[in-house]
Amino acid sequence: MSELKNRIDFVYIFDVQNGNPNGDPDAGNLPRVDAETGMGLVTDVCLKRKVRNYVQVAKNCATGFDIFIKEKAVLNTLIDKAHEDDSVKEAKDKTSAARDVMCKSYYDIRTFGAVMSTGRNAGQVRGPIQFTFARSVDSIATAEHSITRMAVATEKEAEKQGGDNRTMGRKATVPYGLYVCHGFVSANLAKQTGFSEEDLDLFWEALKNMFDVDRSAARGLMSAQKLIAFKHDSVLGNAPANKLFDLVKVEKICNDAPRKFADYRVTIDASNLPSGVTLEEMI
């Protein structure tokens, strides 16, 4: 495995058509919205979930690429299993040794970090990759739709409705939204978790393809549109991340309400890249 030696900051742009990119359980699962501006939001946790799902499918939980935070997982059981490893049993500092085993075993731990002090202590891990919330470029118009199901769940419900088994429901969508997320890759923290260049390649692969392996009726058409990486020639970096992100401009170029990616223009001011920083457009 090749050691990560460069700090990287990236901009990830994706969109949704006629879907709910991230429902808010505190608002009846409506799409998340900034209450003051009307801009749509997608949480970092939502995006990390999709990366985990992609890696789980792509690697089929192969050795070194299992997923710690996955559906129906019992976390303390997984931590206990690490403590049964011979390297941990023989170690003086069992917490640190268990932490190393967990990082080697689980891709999402060495990528995003984890708190593993809930049972037999395996410590805490600060992940080298972090996301911001994604925010839509323009305010979104949340639409609610009535839907009909032509069946009921039980005989009792059927009798109550006199044989008319139709039931009504609601579905919330965003007609169109273009979202921008910012992310950070720390080479310094990568050394601590064992996150490698190969792991980073898999992460980029996940961002490009994760929506295609995570389709659902609720989410409509979600697509990765742009992935722009700023690579520093050092571990600590050569410029502030916010200054690099300012070089990327997303502008609406249509007069009507946007309904597709072509209604926007994405430009990058590469002429003002700081010294020691290179730019790569991966999508």
C-alpha atoms as a PDB file:
ATOM      1  CA  MET A   1       0.000   0.000   0.000  1.00  0.00           C
ATOM      2  CA  SER A   2       1.316   3.448  -0.944  1.00  0.00           C
ATOM      3  CA  GLU A   3       1.409   6.072   1.778  1.00  0.00           C
ATOM      4  CA  LEU A   4      -0.632   9.220   1.194  1.00  0.00           C
ATOM      5  CA  LYS A   5       1.771  12.185   1.067  1.00  0.00           C
ATOM      6  CA  ASN A   6      -0.388  15.065  -0.151  1.00  0.00           C
ATOM      7  CA  ARG A   7      -3.201  17.081   1.354  1.00  0.00           C
ATOM      8  CA  ILE A   8      -6.184  17.269  -0.989  1.00  0.00           C
ATOM      9  CA  ASP A   9      -9.235  19.531  -0.959  1.00  0.00           C
ATOM     10  CA  PHE A  10     -12.090  18.754  -3.327  1.00  0.00           C
ATOM     11  CA  VAL A  11     -15.386  20.062  -4.649  1.00  0.00           C
ATOM     12  CA  TYR A  12     -18.131  17.536  -5.379  1.00  0.00           C
ATOM     13  CA  ILE A  13     -21.148  18.649  -7.399  1.00  0.00           C
ATOM     14  CA  PHE A  14     -24.204  16.442  -7.858  1.00  0.00           C
ATOM     15  CA  ASP A  15     -27.849  16.936  -8.731  1.00  0.00           C
ATOM     16  CA  VAL A  16     -31.296  15.447  -8.195  1.00  0.00           C
ATOM     17  CA  GLN A  17     -34.296  15.385 -10.512  1.00  0.00           C
ATOM     18  CA  ASN A  18     -37.752  14.627  -9.134  1.00  0.00           C
ATOM     19  CA  GLY A  19     -36.469  12.985  -5.999  1.00  0.00           C
ATOM     20  CA  ASN A  20     -35.710  13.450  -2.321  1.00  0.00           C
ATOM     21  CA  PRO A  21     -31.908  13.501  -1.915  1.00  0.00           C
ATOM     22  CA  ASN A  22     -31.961  13.464   1.895  1.00  0.00           C
ATOM     23  CA  GLY A  23     -35.178  13.380   3.904  1.00  0.00           C
ATOM     24  CA  ASP A  24     -35.434  15.129   7.269  1.00  0.00           C
ATOM     25  CA  PRO A  25     -37.042  12.849   9.903  1.00  0.00           C
ATOM     26  CA  ASP A  26     -37.835  15.923  12.020  1.00  0.00           C
ATOM     27  CA  ALA A  27     -39.964  17.333   9.173  1.00  0.00           C
ATOM     28  CA  GLY A  28     -41.968  14.337   8.020  1.00  0.00           C
ATOM     29  CA  ASN A  29     -39.083  13.191   5.784  1.00  0.00           C
ATOM     30  CA  LEU A  30     -39.348  16.281   3.576  1.00  0.00           C
ATOM     31  CA  PRO A  31     -36.136  17.249   1.742  1.00  0.00           C
ATOM     32  CA  ARG A  32     -33.764  19.077   4.068  1.00  0.00           C
ATOM     33  CA  VAL A  33     -33.854  22.851   3.642  1.00  0.00           C
ATOM     34  CA  ASP A  34     -32.035  25.832   5.148  1.00  0.00           C
ATOM     35  CA  ALA A  35     -34.974  27.579   6.806  1.00  0.00           C
ATOM     36  CA  GLU A  36     -33.517  31.064   6.278  1.00  0.00           C
ATOM     37  CA  THR A  37     -32.512  30.830   2.611  1.00  0.00           C
ATOM     38  CA  GLY A  38     -34.559  27.974   1.165  1.00  0.00           C
ATOM     39  CA  MET A  39     -31.398  26.269  -0.077  1.00  0.00           C
ATOM     40  CA  GLY A  40     -31.496  22.486  -0.084  1.00  0.00           C
ATOM     41  CA  LEU A  41     -29.173  20.526   2.195  1.00  0.00           C
ATOM     42  CA  VAL A  42     -27.689  17.037   2.131  1.00  0.00           C
ATOM     43  CA  THR A  43     -25.819  15.957   5.251  1.00  0.00           C
ATOM     44  CA  ASP A  44     -22.268  14.655   5.339  1.00  0.00           C
ATOM     45  CA  VAL A  45     -23.610  11.509   7.031  1.00  0.00           C
ATOM     46  CA  CYS A  46     -25.869  10.852   4.028  1.00  0.00           C
ATOM     47  CA  LEU A  47     -22.940  11.101   1.603  1.00  0.00           C
ATOM     48  CA  LYS A  48     -20.718   8.894   3.756  1.00  0.00           C
ATOM     49  CA  ARG A  49     -23.490   6.297   3.847  1.00  0.00           C
ATOM     50  CA  LYS A  50     -23.490   6.159   0.053  1.00  0.00           C
ATOM     51  CA  VAL A  51     -19.698   5.778  -0.046  1.00  0.00           C
ATOM     52  CA  ARG A  52     -19.949   2.920   2.457  1.00  0.00           C
ATOM     53  CA  ASN A  53     -22.688   1.244   0.416  1.00  0.00           C
ATOM     54  CA  TYR A  54     -20.621   1.478  -2.757  1.00  0.00           C
ATOM     55  CA  VAL A  55     -17.489   0.024  -1.163  1.00  0.00           C
ATOM     56  CA  GLN A  56     -19.529  -2.779   0.381  1.00  0.00           C
ATOM     57  CA  VAL A  57     -20.903  -3.699  -3.062  1.00  0.00           C
ATOM     58  CA  ALA A  58     -17.654  -3.142  -4.984  1.00  0.00           C
ATOM     59  CA  LYS A  59     -15.415  -5.055  -2.579  1.00  0.00           C
ATOM     60  CA  ASN A  60     -17.998  -7.492  -1.171  1.00  0.00           C
ATOM     61  CA  CYS A  61     -16.549  -7.010   2.337  1.00  0.00           C
ATOM     62  CA  ALA A  62     -13.201  -8.488   1.267  1.00  0.00           C
ATOM     63  CA  THR A  63     -10.359  -8.590   3.784  1.00  0.00           C
ATOM     64  CA  GLY A  64      -9.417  -5.032   4.661  1.00  0.00           C
ATOM     65  CA  PHE A  65     -12.536  -3.606   3.018  1.00  0.00           C
ATOM     66  CA  ASP A  66     -15.309  -4.569   5.397  1.00  0.00           C
ATOM     67  CA  ILE A  67     -17.681  -1.827   6.588  1.00  0.00           C
ATOM     68  CA  PHE A  68     -18.031  -1.056  10.304  1.00  0.00           C
ATOM     69  CA  ILE A  69     -21.172   1.109  10.164  1.00  0.00           C
ATOM     70  CA  LYS A  70     -23.518  -1.029   8.100  1.00  0.00           C
ATOM     71  CA  GLU A  71     -27.110  -2.176   8.300  1.00  0.00           C
ATOM     72  CA  LYS A  72     -27.880  -4.392  11.307  1.00  0.00           C
ATOM     73  CA  ALA A  73     -24.296  -4.246  12.589  1.00  0.00           C
ATOM     74  CA  VAL A  74     -23.731  -4.678  16.346  1.00  0.00           C
ATOM     75  CA  LEU A  75     -20.711  -2.457  16.882  1.00  0.00           C
ATOM     76  CA  ASN A  76     -19.546  -3.757  20.258  1.00  0.00           C
ATOM     77  CA  THR A  77     -19.518  -7.309  18.874  1.00  0.00           C
ATOM     78  CA  LEU A  78     -17.160  -6.188  16.107  1.00  0.00           C
ATOM     79  CA  ILE A  79     -14.924  -4.405  18.603  1.00  0.00           C
ATOM     80  CA  ASP A  80     -14.862  -7.516  20.827  1.00  0.00           C
ATOM     81  CA  LYS A  81     -13.800  -9.570  17.815  1.00  0.00           C
ATOM     82  CA  ALA A  82     -10.782  -7.289  17.319  1.00  0.00           C
ATOM     83  CA  HIS A  83      -9.741  -7.928  20.924  1.00  0.00           C
ATOM     84  CA  GLU A  84      -9.603 -11.663  20.135  1.00  0.00           C
ATOM     85  CA  ASP A  85      -6.882 -11.085  17.528  1.00  0.00           C
ATOM     86  CA  ASP A  86      -3.518 -12.582  18.555  1.00  0.00           C
ATOM     87  CA  SER A  87      -1.730  -9.269  18.054  1.00  0.00           C
ATOM     88  CA  VAL A  88      -4.064  -7.614  20.571  1.00  0.00           C
ATOM     89  CA  LYS A  89      -3.805 -10.436  23.127  1.00  0.00           C
ATOM     90  CA  GLU A  90      -0.008 -10.164  23.088  1.00  0.00           C
ATOM     91  CA  ALA A  91       0.102  -6.349  23.180  1.00  0.00           C
ATOM     92  CA  LYS A  92       0.705  -4.326  26.346  1.00  0.00           C
ATOM     93  CA  ASP A  93      -1.535  -1.497  25.109  1.00  0.00           C
ATOM     94  CA  LYS A  94      -4.566  -3.512  24.042  1.00  0.00           C
ATOM     95  CA  THR A  95      -6.655  -0.443  23.209  1.00  0.00           C
ATOM     96  CA  SER A  96      -4.091   0.845  20.732  1.00  0.00           C
ATOM     97  CA  ALA A  97      -3.559  -2.626  19.251  1.00  0.00           C
ATOM     98  CA  ALA A  98      -7.314  -3.156  18.829  1.00  0.00           C
ATOM     99  CA  ARG A  99      -7.560   0.248  17.176  1.00  0.00           C
ATOM    100  CA  ASP A 100      -4.917  -0.791  14.625  1.00  0.00           C
ATOM    101  CA  VAL A 101      -6.770  -4.047  13.890  1.00  0.00           C
ATOM    102  CA  MET A 102     -10.022  -2.141  13.354  1.00  0.00           C
ATOM    103  CA  CYS A 103      -8.354   0.312  10.972  1.00  0.00           C
ATOM    104  CA  LYS A 104      -6.847  -2.526   8.937  1.00  0.00           C
ATOM    105  CA  SER A 105     -10.121  -4.452   8.808  1.00  0.00           C
ATOM    106  CA  TYR A 106     -12.683  -1.720   8.082  1.00  0.00           C
ATOM    107  CA  TYR A 107     -12.440   0.681   5.163  1.00  0.00           C
ATOM    108  CA  ASP A 108     -14.851   3.222   6.636  1.00  0.00           C
ATOM    109  CA  ILE A 109     -12.910   3.443   9.913  1.00  0.00           C
ATOM    110  CA  ARG A 110      -9.605   4.275   8.269  1.00  0.00           C
ATOM    111  CA  THR A 111     -11.436   6.658   5.896  1.00  0.00           C
ATOM    112  CA  PHE A 112     -13.978   8.509   8.062  1.00  0.00           C
ATOM    113  CA  GLY A 113     -12.917   7.535  11.582  1.00  0.00           C
ATOM    114  CA  ALA A 114     -15.017   6.048  14.376  1.00  0.00           C
ATOM    115  CA  VAL A 115     -15.682   6.083  18.108  1.00  0.00           C
ATOM    116  CA  MET A 116     -14.917   2.579  19.417  1.00  0.00           C
ATOM    117  CA  SER A 117     -14.971   3.113  23.166  1.00  0.00           C
ATOM    118  CA  THR A 118     -18.546   1.894  23.658  1.00  0.00           C
ATOM    119  CA  GLY A 119     -17.575  -1.599  24.846  1.00  0.00           C
ATOM    120  CA  ARG A 120     -14.143  -3.183  25.148  1.00  0.00           C
ATOM    121  CA  ASN A 121     -12.167  -0.104  24.322  1.00  0.00           C
ATOM    122  CA  ALA A 122     -10.609   0.220  20.861  1.00  0.00           C
ATOM    123  CA  GLY A 123     -10.143   3.971  21.165  1.00  0.00           C
ATOM    124  CA  GLN A 124     -11.212   6.694  18.789  1.00  0.00           C
ATOM    125  CA  VAL A 125     -10.093   7.339  15.232  1.00  0.00           C
ATOM    126  CA  ARG A 126     -10.088  10.674  13.427  1.00  0.00           C
ATOM    127  CA  GLY A 127     -10.696   9.933   9.781  1.00  0.00           C
ATOM    128  CA  PRO A 128      -8.561  11.573   7.075  1.00  0.00           C
ATOM    129  CA  ILE A 129     -11.591  12.317   4.858  1.00  0.00           C
ATOM    130  CA  GLN A 130     -14.383  14.654   5.892  1.00  0.00           C
ATOM    131  CA  PHE A 131     -17.290  16.307   4.075  1.00  0.00           C
ATOM    132  CA  THR A 132     -19.248  19.473   4.617  1.00  0.00           C
ATOM    133  CA  PHE A 133     -23.019  19.478   4.217  1.00  0.00           C
ATOM    134  CA  ALA A 134     -23.895  19.793   0.530  1.00  0.00           C
ATOM    135  CA  ARG A 135     -25.886  22.934  -0.260  1.00  0.00           C
ATOM    136  CA  SER A 136     -27.945  23.662  -3.355  1.00  0.00           C
ATOM    137  CA  VAL A 137     -26.813  26.488  -5.610  1.00  0.00           C
ATOM    138  CA  ASP A 138     -30.328  27.956  -5.721  1.00  0.00           C
ATOM    139  CA  SER A 139     -33.311  27.651  -3.415  1.00  0.00           C
ATOM    140  CA  ILE A 140     -35.321  24.488  -3.960  1.00  0.00           C
ATOM    141  CA  ALA A 141     -39.066  24.079  -4.352  1.00  0.00           C
ATOM    142  CA  THR A 142     -40.216  21.121  -2.290  1.00  0.00           C
ATOM    143  CA  ALA A 143     -43.229  19.403  -3.852  1.00  0.00           C
ATOM    144  CA  GLU A 144     -45.563  16.949  -2.131  1.00  0.00           C
ATOM    145  CA  HIS A 145     -47.524  14.432  -4.189  1.00  0.00           C
ATOM    146  CA  SER A 146     -50.472  12.262  -3.236  1.00  0.00           C
ATOM    147  CA  ILE A 147     -49.973   8.621  -4.154  1.00  0.00           C
ATOM    148  CA  THR A 148     -52.347   5.656  -4.104  1.00  0.00           C
ATOM    149  CA  ARG A 149     -51.674   2.081  -3.051  1.00  0.00           C
ATOM    150  CA  MET A 150     -54.129  -0.452  -4.472  1.00  0.00           C
ATOM    151  CA  ALA A 151     -53.855  -2.831  -1.503  1.00  0.00           C
ATOM    152  CA  VAL A 152     -54.074  -2.954   2.264  1.00  0.00           C
ATOM    153  CA  ALA A 153     -51.876  -4.806   4.709  1.00  0.00           C
ATOM    154  CA  THR A 154     -54.447  -6.870   6.642  1.00  0.00           C
ATOM    155  CA  GLU A 155     -57.881  -8.467   6.273  1.00  0.00           C
ATOM    156  CA  LYS A 156     -59.104  -6.204   9.068  1.00  0.00           C
ATOM    157  CA  GLU A 157     -58.226  -3.116   7.030  1.00  0.00           C
ATOM    158  CA  ALA A 158     -59.983  -4.573   3.967  1.00  0.00           C
ATOM    159  CA  GLU A 159     -63.189  -5.179   5.945  1.00  0.00           C
ATOM    160  CA  LYS A 160     -63.049  -1.685   7.391  1.00  0.00           C
ATOM    161  CA  GLN A 161     -62.877  -0.184   3.891  1.00  0.00           C
ATOM    162  CA  GLY A 162     -65.677  -2.349   2.533  1.00  0.00           C
ATOM    163  CA  GLY A 163     -63.548  -4.016  -0.105  1.00  0.00           C
ATOM    164  CA  ASP A 164     -62.079  -0.813  -1.499  1.00  0.00           C
ATOM    165  CA  ASN A 165     -58.460  -1.536  -0.723  1.00  0.00           C
ATOM    166  CA  ARG A 166     -57.008   1.727  -1.943  1.00  0.00           C
ATOM    167  CA  THR A 167     -54.972   3.680   0.586  1.00  0.00           C
ATOM    168  CA  MET A 168     -53.493   7.155   0.177  1.00  0.00           C
ATOM    169  CA  GLY A 169     -49.968   8.310   0.913  1.00  0.00           C
ATOM    170  CA  ARG A 170     -47.619  11.234   0.331  1.00  0.00           C
ATOM    171  CA  LYS A 171     -44.339  11.547  -1.504  1.00  0.00           C
ATOM    172  CA  ALA A 172     -42.010  14.549  -1.331  1.00  0.00           C
ATOM    173  CA  THR A 173     -39.614  15.523  -4.127  1.00  0.00           C
ATOM    174  CA  VAL A 174     -37.358  18.293  -5.335  1.00  0.00           C
ATOM    175  CA  PRO A 175     -38.133  19.040  -9.042  1.00  0.00           C
ATOM    176  CA  TYR A 176     -34.458  19.876  -9.557  1.00  0.00           C
ATOM    177  CA  GLY A 177     -31.558  20.816  -7.344  1.00  0.00           C
ATOM    178  CA  LEU A 178     -27.825  21.197  -7.983  1.00  0.00           C
ATOM    179  CA  TYR A 179     -25.792  20.614  -4.810  1.00  0.00           C
ATOM    180  CA  VAL A 180     -22.200  21.548  -3.985  1.00  0.00           C
ATOM    181  CA  CYS A 181     -20.217  19.741  -1.314  1.00  0.00           C
ATOM    182  CA  HIS A 182     -16.683  20.466  -0.127  1.00  0.00           C
ATOM    183  CA  GLY A 183     -14.345  17.796   1.158  1.00  0.00           C
ATOM    184  CA  PHE A 184     -10.929  17.406   2.715  1.00  0.00           C
ATOM    185  CA  VAL A 185      -8.285  14.675   2.639  1.00  0.00           C
ATOM    186  CA  SER A 186      -5.664  14.897   5.396  1.00  0.00           C
ATOM    187  CA  ALA A 187      -2.396  13.103   4.641  1.00  0.00           C
ATOM    188  CA  ASN A 188      -1.383  13.598   8.261  1.00  0.00           C
ATOM    189  CA  LEU A 189      -4.405  11.712   9.603  1.00  0.00           C
ATOM    190  CA  ALA A 190      -4.069   9.121   6.823  1.00  0.00           C
ATOM    191  CA  LYS A 191      -0.745   8.058   8.324  1.00  0.00           C
ATOM    192  CA  GLN A 192      -2.454   7.382  11.650  1.00  0.00           C
ATOM    193  CA  THR A 193      -5.203   5.177  10.178  1.00  0.00           C
ATOM    194  CA  GLY A 194      -3.262   3.500   7.365  1.00  0.00           C
ATOM    195  CA  PHE A 195      -5.385   5.144   4.663  1.00  0.00           C
ATOM    196  CA  SER A 196      -3.429   4.642   1.429  1.00  0.00           C
ATOM    197  CA  GLU A 197      -3.293   5.904  -2.145  1.00  0.00           C
ATOM    198  CA  GLU A 198      -5.202   2.757  -3.145  1.00  0.00           C
ATOM    199  CA  ASP A 199      -7.893   3.583  -0.584  1.00  0.00           C
ATOM    200  CA  LEU A 200      -8.091   7.091  -2.022  1.00  0.00           C
ATOM    201  CA  ASP A 201      -8.557   5.722  -5.549  1.00  0.00           C
ATOM    202  CA  LEU A 202     -11.472   3.629  -4.255  1.00  0.00           C
ATOM    203  CA  PHE A 203     -12.945   6.716  -2.600  1.00  0.00           C
ATOM    204  CA  TRP A 204     -12.829   8.684  -5.877  1.00  0.00           C
ATOM    205  CA  GLU A 205     -14.413   5.696  -7.619  1.00  0.00           C
ATOM    206  CA  ALA A 206     -17.201   5.705  -5.035  1.00  0.00           C
ATOM    207  CA  LEU A 207     -17.954   9.412  -5.544  1.00  0.00           C
ATOM    208  CA  LYS A 208     -18.186   8.889  -9.291  1.00  0.00           C
ATOM    209  CA  ASN A 209     -20.433   5.814  -9.168  1.00  0.00           C
ATOM    210  CA  MET A 210     -22.204   5.630  -5.811  1.00  0.00           C
ATOM    211  CA  PHE A 211     -25.534   7.004  -7.020  1.00  0.00           C
ATOM    212  CA  ASP A 212     -25.720   4.275  -9.672  1.00  0.00           C
ATOM    213  CA  VAL A 213     -25.619   1.498  -7.066  1.00  0.00           C
ATOM    214  CA  ASP A 214     -27.966   3.241  -4.641  1.00  0.00           C
ATOM    215  CA  ARG A 215     -31.096   3.829  -6.715  1.00  0.00           C
ATOM    216  CA  SER A 216     -34.486   4.078  -5.052  1.00  0.00           C
ATOM    217  CA  ALA A 217     -37.930   5.351  -6.004  1.00  0.00           C
ATOM    218  CA  ALA A 218     -37.695   8.031  -3.315  1.00  0.00           C
ATOM    219  CA  ARG A 219     -34.432   9.562  -4.551  1.00  0.00           C
ATOM    220  CA  GLY A 220     -35.395  10.030  -8.195  1.00  0.00           C
ATOM    221  CA  LEU A 221     -32.477  10.647 -10.555  1.00  0.00           C
ATOM    222  CA  MET A 222     -29.328  11.581  -8.655  1.00  0.00           C
ATOM    223  CA  SER A 223     -26.125  12.056 -10.642  1.00  0.00           C
ATOM    224  CA  ALA A 224     -22.515  13.005  -9.964  1.00  0.00           C
ATOM    225  CA  GLN A 225     -21.752  15.969 -12.236  1.00  0.00           C
ATOM    226  CA  LYS A 226     -18.354  17.354 -11.205  1.00  0.00           C
ATOM    227  CA  LEU A 227     -15.452  16.217  -9.014  1.00  0.00           C
ATOM    228  CA  ILE A 228     -12.655  18.758  -8.774  1.00  0.00           C
ATOM    229  CA  ALA A 229      -9.565  17.994  -6.652  1.00  0.00           C
ATOM    230  CA  PHE A 230      -6.907  20.448  -5.488  1.00  0.00           C
ATOM    231  CA  LYS A 231      -3.735  18.514  -4.661  1.00  0.00           C
ATOM    232  CA  HIS A 232      -1.056  20.124  -2.516  1.00  0.00           C
ATOM    233  CA  ASP A 233       2.600  19.137  -2.887  1.00  0.00           C
ATOM    234  CA  SER A 234       2.977  18.715   0.880  1.00  0.00           C
ATOM    235  CA  VAL A 235       1.355  16.952   3.813  1.00  0.00           C
ATOM    236  CA  LEU A 236       0.145  20.166   5.482  1.00  0.00           C
ATOM    237  CA  GLY A 237      -0.825  21.985   2.302  1.00  0.00           C
ATOM    238  CA  ASN A 238       0.161  25.138   0.451  1.00  0.00           C
ATOM    239  CA  ALA A 239      -3.006  27.258   0.561  1.00  0.00           C
ATOM    240  CA  PRO A 240      -6.210  27.633   2.609  1.00  0.00           C
ATOM    241  CA  ALA A 241      -9.005  25.357   1.417  1.00  0.00           C
ATOM    242  CA  ASN A 242     -11.561  28.174   1.247  1.00  0.00           C
ATOM    243  CA  LYS A 243      -9.357  30.140  -1.166  1.00  0.00           C
ATOM    244  CA  LEU A 244      -9.168  27.128  -3.454  1.00  0.00           C
ATOM    245  CA  PHE A 245     -12.918  26.564  -3.303  1.00  0.00           C
ATOM    246  CA  ASP A 246     -13.455  30.196  -4.314  1.00  0.00           C
ATOM    247  CA  LEU A 247     -11.812  29.375  -7.655  1.00  0.00           C
ATOM    248  CA  VAL A 248     -14.816  27.216  -8.565  1.00  0.00           C
ATOM    249  CA  LYS A 249     -17.876  29.158  -9.697  1.00  0.00           C
ATOM    250  CA  VAL A 250     -21.314  27.683 -10.378  1.00  0.00           C
ATOM    251  CA  GLU A 251     -23.687  30.033 -12.209  1.00  0.00           C
ATOM    252  CA  LYS A 252     -27.228  29.637 -13.471  1.00  0.00           C
ATOM    253  CA  ILE A 253     -27.407  30.454 -17.186  1.00  0.00           C
ATOM    254  CA  CYS A 254     -31.132  29.993 -17.845  1.00  0.00           C
ATOM    255  CA  ASN A 255     -33.904  32.518 -17.305  1.00  0.00           C
ATOM    256  CA  ASP A 256     -36.442  30.041 -15.973  1.00  0.00           C
ATOM    257  CA  ALA A 257     -36.330  27.760 -12.977  1.00  0.00           C
ATOM    258  CA  PRO A 258     -33.447  25.316 -13.543  1.00  0.00           C
ATOM    259  CA  ARG A 259     -34.458  21.753 -14.348  1.00  0.00           C
ATOM    260  CA  LYS A 260     -31.202  20.192 -15.611  1.00  0.00           C
ATOM    261  CA  PHE A 261     -27.441  20.447 -15.202  1.00  0.00           C
ATOM    262  CA  ALA A 262     -27.121  22.207 -18.563  1.00  0.00           C
ATOM    263  CA  ASP A 263     -28.963  25.164 -16.981  1.00  0.00           C
ATOM    264  CA  TYR A 264     -25.752  25.888 -15.042  1.00  0.00           C
ATOM    265  CA  ARG A 265     -22.174  26.711 -15.971  1.00  0.00           C
ATOM    266  CA  VAL A 266     -19.238  25.537 -13.846  1.00  0.00           C
ATOM    267  CA  THR A 267     -15.984  27.445 -14.293  1.00  0.00           C
ATOM    268  CA  ILE A 268     -12.602  27.061 -12.597  1.00  0.00           C
ATOM    269  CA  ASP A 269     -10.138  29.933 -12.380  1.00  0.00           C
ATOM    270  CA  ALA A 270      -7.044  27.768 -12.884  1.00  0.00           C
ATOM    271  CA  SER A 271      -4.906  30.817 -13.696  1.00  0.00           C
ATOM    272  CA  ASN A 272      -4.965  31.816 -10.010  1.00  0.00           C
ATOM    273  CA  LEU A 273      -3.924  28.482  -8.549  1.00  0.00           C
ATOM    274  CA  PRO A 274      -1.453  29.028  -5.673  1.00  0.00           C
ATOM    275  CA  SER A 275       2.070  27.737  -5.999  1.00  0.00           C
ATOM    276  CA  GLY A 276       2.403  24.112  -4.982  1.00  0.00           C
ATOM    277  CA  VAL A 277      -1.223  23.223  -5.779  1.00  0.00           C
ATOM    278  CA  THR A 278      -2.331  21.263  -8.836  1.00  0.00           C
ATOM    279  CA  LEU A 279      -5.848  20.869 -10.179  1.00  0.00           C
ATOM    280  CA  GLU A 280      -7.535  17.731 -11.486  1.00  0.00           C
ATOM    281  CA  GLU A 281     -11.070  17.416 -12.874  1.00  0.00           C
ATOM    282  CA  MET A 282     -12.108  13.804 -12.327  1.00  0.00           C
ATOM    283  CA  ILE A 283     -15.631  14.267 -13.692  1.00  0.00           C
END
